Amino acid sequence: MEINVGDEVRFGKAHPCGGDRWRVLRTGIDIGVKCSTCGRRVMMERAEFERRVKEIVSRGHKSEKG
């Protein structure tokens, strides 16, 4: 799964605050996401992130390396 900083995703279960959209802040072995409703930041392993994502709502900027 290709994930970039700035992407907005939806997980299968809603956050306890009621929000269901998360903005990707950091990519790598771990993925950092921020709840778009309450601002809570969470780090999770890439495998767990990919398992939880149900939909990519919008795409951020694709970073070019090289």
N, C-alpha and C. Protein backbone atom coordinates (compact mmCIF):
# COMPACT_ATOMS: atom_id res chain seq x y z
N MET A 1 0.85 -1.18 0.00
CA MET A 1 0.00 0.00 0.00
C MET A 1 0.90 1.24 0.00
N GLU A 2 0.63 2.16 -0.91
CA GLU A 2 1.41 3.39 -0.97
C GLU A 2 0.71 4.48 -0.16
N ILE A 3 1.40 4.94 0.87
CA ILE A 3 0.88 5.98 1.75
C ILE A 3 1.87 7.14 1.73
N ASN A 4 1.35 8.36 1.64
CA ASN A 4 2.18 9.56 1.64
C ASN A 4 1.73 10.50 2.74
N VAL A 5 2.66 11.35 3.18
CA VAL A 5 2.33 12.37 4.17
C VAL A 5 1.24 13.27 3.58
N GLY A 6 0.23 13.55 4.37
CA GLY A 6 -0.88 14.39 3.93
C GLY A 6 -2.11 13.62 3.48
N ASP A 7 -1.96 12.30 3.27
CA ASP A 7 -3.12 11.49 2.90
C ASP A 7 -4.12 11.49 4.06
N GLU A 8 -5.39 11.42 3.73
CA GLU A 8 -6.44 11.30 4.73
C GLU A 8 -7.09 9.94 4.57
N VAL A 9 -7.14 9.17 5.67
CA VAL A 9 -7.65 7.80 5.60
C VAL A 9 -8.80 7.62 6.59
N ARG A 10 -9.55 6.56 6.37
CA ARG A 10 -10.64 6.18 7.26
C ARG A 10 -10.36 4.75 7.72
N PHE A 11 -10.42 4.54 9.04
CA PHE A 11 -10.22 3.21 9.61
C PHE A 11 -11.57 2.50 9.75
N GLY A 12 -11.53 1.20 10.00
CA GLY A 12 -12.75 0.42 10.15
C GLY A 12 -13.58 0.82 11.35
N LYS A 13 -12.92 1.19 12.45
CA LYS A 13 -13.63 1.61 13.66
C LYS A 13 -13.38 3.09 13.89
N ALA A 14 -14.37 3.77 14.42
CA ALA A 14 -14.24 5.19 14.72
C ALA A 14 -13.41 5.39 15.99
N HIS A 15 -12.78 6.55 16.10
CA HIS A 15 -12.03 6.94 17.29
C HIS A 15 -13.05 7.20 18.42
N PRO A 16 -12.67 7.03 19.69
CA PRO A 16 -13.61 7.28 20.78
C PRO A 16 -14.23 8.68 20.78
N CYS A 17 -13.55 9.65 20.15
CA CYS A 17 -14.12 11.01 20.09
C CYS A 17 -15.25 11.10 19.06
N GLY A 18 -15.41 10.06 18.25
CA GLY A 18 -16.46 10.05 17.24
C GLY A 18 -15.94 10.29 15.83
N GLY A 19 -14.69 10.75 15.71
CA GLY A 19 -14.10 11.02 14.40
C GLY A 19 -13.69 9.75 13.69
N ASP A 20 -13.76 9.79 12.36
CA ASP A 20 -13.37 8.59 11.61
C ASP A 20 -12.33 8.91 10.54
N ARG A 21 -11.84 10.15 10.48
CA ARG A 21 -10.84 10.52 9.48
C ARG A 21 -9.52 10.85 10.17
N TRP A 22 -8.44 10.37 9.59
CA TRP A 22 -7.10 10.55 10.13
C TRP A 22 -6.18 11.08 9.04
N ARG A 23 -5.32 12.03 9.38
CA ARG A 23 -4.34 12.61 8.46
C ARG A 23 -2.98 11.98 8.74
N VAL A 24 -2.29 11.51 7.70
CA VAL A 24 -0.97 10.90 7.84
C VAL A 24 0.07 12.00 8.04
N LEU A 25 0.83 11.91 9.13
CA LEU A 25 1.85 12.91 9.46
C LEU A 25 3.25 12.41 9.17
N ARG A 26 3.46 11.09 9.26
CA ARG A 26 4.80 10.52 9.15
C ARG A 26 4.68 9.14 8.53
N THR A 27 5.62 8.81 7.65
CA THR A 27 5.65 7.47 7.06
C THR A 27 7.02 6.86 7.28
N GLY A 28 7.09 5.58 7.15
CA GLY A 28 8.31 4.82 7.36
C GLY A 28 7.91 3.45 7.88
N ILE A 29 8.73 2.88 8.74
CA ILE A 29 8.37 1.60 9.35
C ILE A 29 7.15 1.79 10.24
N ASP A 30 7.11 2.93 10.93
CA ASP A 30 5.94 3.32 11.72
C ASP A 30 5.21 4.43 10.97
N ILE A 31 3.90 4.48 11.15
CA ILE A 31 3.08 5.52 10.52
C ILE A 31 2.51 6.40 11.63
N GLY A 32 2.65 7.70 11.49
CA GLY A 32 2.08 8.65 12.44
C GLY A 32 0.83 9.25 11.84
N VAL A 33 -0.27 9.22 12.60
CA VAL A 33 -1.54 9.78 12.12
C VAL A 33 -2.12 10.71 13.18
N LYS A 34 -2.98 11.64 12.72
CA LYS A 34 -3.62 12.59 13.61
C LYS A 34 -5.11 12.58 13.34
N CYS A 35 -5.91 12.47 14.38
CA CYS A 35 -7.37 12.48 14.26
C CYS A 35 -7.81 13.86 13.78
N SER A 36 -8.59 13.90 12.73
CA SER A 36 -9.05 15.17 12.17
C SER A 36 -10.11 15.84 13.06
N THR A 37 -10.70 15.10 14.00
CA THR A 37 -11.73 15.66 14.87
C THR A 37 -11.14 16.25 16.15
N CYS A 38 -10.36 15.46 16.88
CA CYS A 38 -9.87 15.92 18.19
C CYS A 38 -8.38 16.28 18.20
N GLY A 39 -7.64 15.89 17.16
CA GLY A 39 -6.22 16.24 17.10
C GLY A 39 -5.29 15.25 17.78
N ARG A 40 -5.81 14.16 18.28
CA ARG A 40 -4.98 13.14 18.94
C ARG A 40 -4.01 12.54 17.93
N ARG A 41 -2.74 12.40 18.32
CA ARG A 41 -1.72 11.81 17.46
C ARG A 41 -1.40 10.40 17.93
N VAL A 42 -1.26 9.49 16.97
CA VAL A 42 -1.03 8.09 17.27
C VAL A 42 0.05 7.57 16.32
N MET A 43 0.96 6.75 16.85
CA MET A 43 1.95 6.06 16.04
C MET A 43 1.58 4.58 16.02
N MET A 44 1.67 3.95 14.84
CA MET A 44 1.41 2.52 14.76
C MET A 44 2.31 1.90 13.71
N GLU A 45 2.55 0.61 13.86
CA GLU A 45 3.37 -0.10 12.90
C GLU A 45 2.68 -0.11 11.55
N ARG A 46 3.48 -0.13 10.49
CA ARG A 46 2.93 -0.10 9.13
C ARG A 46 1.97 -1.26 8.89
N ALA A 47 2.30 -2.46 9.36
CA ALA A 47 1.43 -3.62 9.15
C ALA A 47 0.07 -3.42 9.82
N GLU A 48 0.07 -2.87 11.04
CA GLU A 48 -1.19 -2.61 11.74
C GLU A 48 -1.99 -1.53 11.01
N PHE A 49 -1.31 -0.47 10.56
CA PHE A 49 -1.95 0.61 9.83
C PHE A 49 -2.65 0.07 8.59
N GLU A 50 -1.93 -0.73 7.79
CA GLU A 50 -2.50 -1.28 6.55
C GLU A 50 -3.67 -2.20 6.82
N ARG A 51 -3.63 -2.90 7.94
CA ARG A 51 -4.73 -3.80 8.32
C ARG A 51 -5.98 -3.00 8.70
N ARG A 52 -5.79 -1.85 9.35
CA ARG A 52 -6.92 -1.05 9.85
C ARG A 52 -7.57 -0.16 8.79
N VAL A 53 -6.79 0.28 7.79
CA VAL A 53 -7.31 1.23 6.80
C VAL A 53 -8.40 0.57 5.96
N LYS A 54 -9.53 1.24 5.86
CA LYS A 54 -10.64 0.76 5.02
C LYS A 54 -10.76 1.58 3.75
N GLU A 55 -10.34 2.86 3.81
CA GLU A 55 -10.50 3.73 2.65
C GLU A 55 -9.50 4.87 2.72
N ILE A 56 -8.95 5.24 1.57
CA ILE A 56 -8.15 6.45 1.47
C ILE A 56 -9.09 7.54 0.97
N VAL A 57 -9.41 8.50 1.84
CA VAL A 57 -10.40 9.54 1.55
C VAL A 57 -9.84 10.54 0.56
N SER A 58 -8.61 11.01 0.80
CA SER A 58 -7.98 11.95 -0.12
C SER A 58 -6.47 11.75 -0.10
N ARG A 59 -5.84 12.13 -1.17
CA ARG A 59 -4.40 11.98 -1.30
C ARG A 59 -3.70 13.31 -1.00
N GLY A 60 -2.58 13.22 -0.28
CA GLY A 60 -1.75 14.39 -0.01
C GLY A 60 -0.73 14.54 -1.14
N HIS A 61 0.34 15.23 -0.86
CA HIS A 61 1.38 15.43 -1.85
C HIS A 61 2.29 14.22 -1.89
N LYS A 62 2.62 13.77 -3.09
CA LYS A 62 3.54 12.65 -3.22
C LYS A 62 4.96 13.19 -3.11
N SER A 63 5.72 12.65 -2.17
CA SER A 63 7.10 13.11 -2.00
C SER A 63 8.00 12.38 -2.98
N GLU A 64 8.88 13.13 -3.60
CA GLU A 64 9.82 12.55 -4.55
C GLU A 64 11.18 12.46 -3.90
N LYS A 65 11.76 11.28 -3.93
CA LYS A 65 13.07 11.07 -3.34
C LYS A 65 14.09 10.88 -4.47
N GLY A 66 15.30 11.36 -4.22
CA GLY A 66 16.32 11.10 -5.21
C GLY A 66 17.08 12.24 -5.63
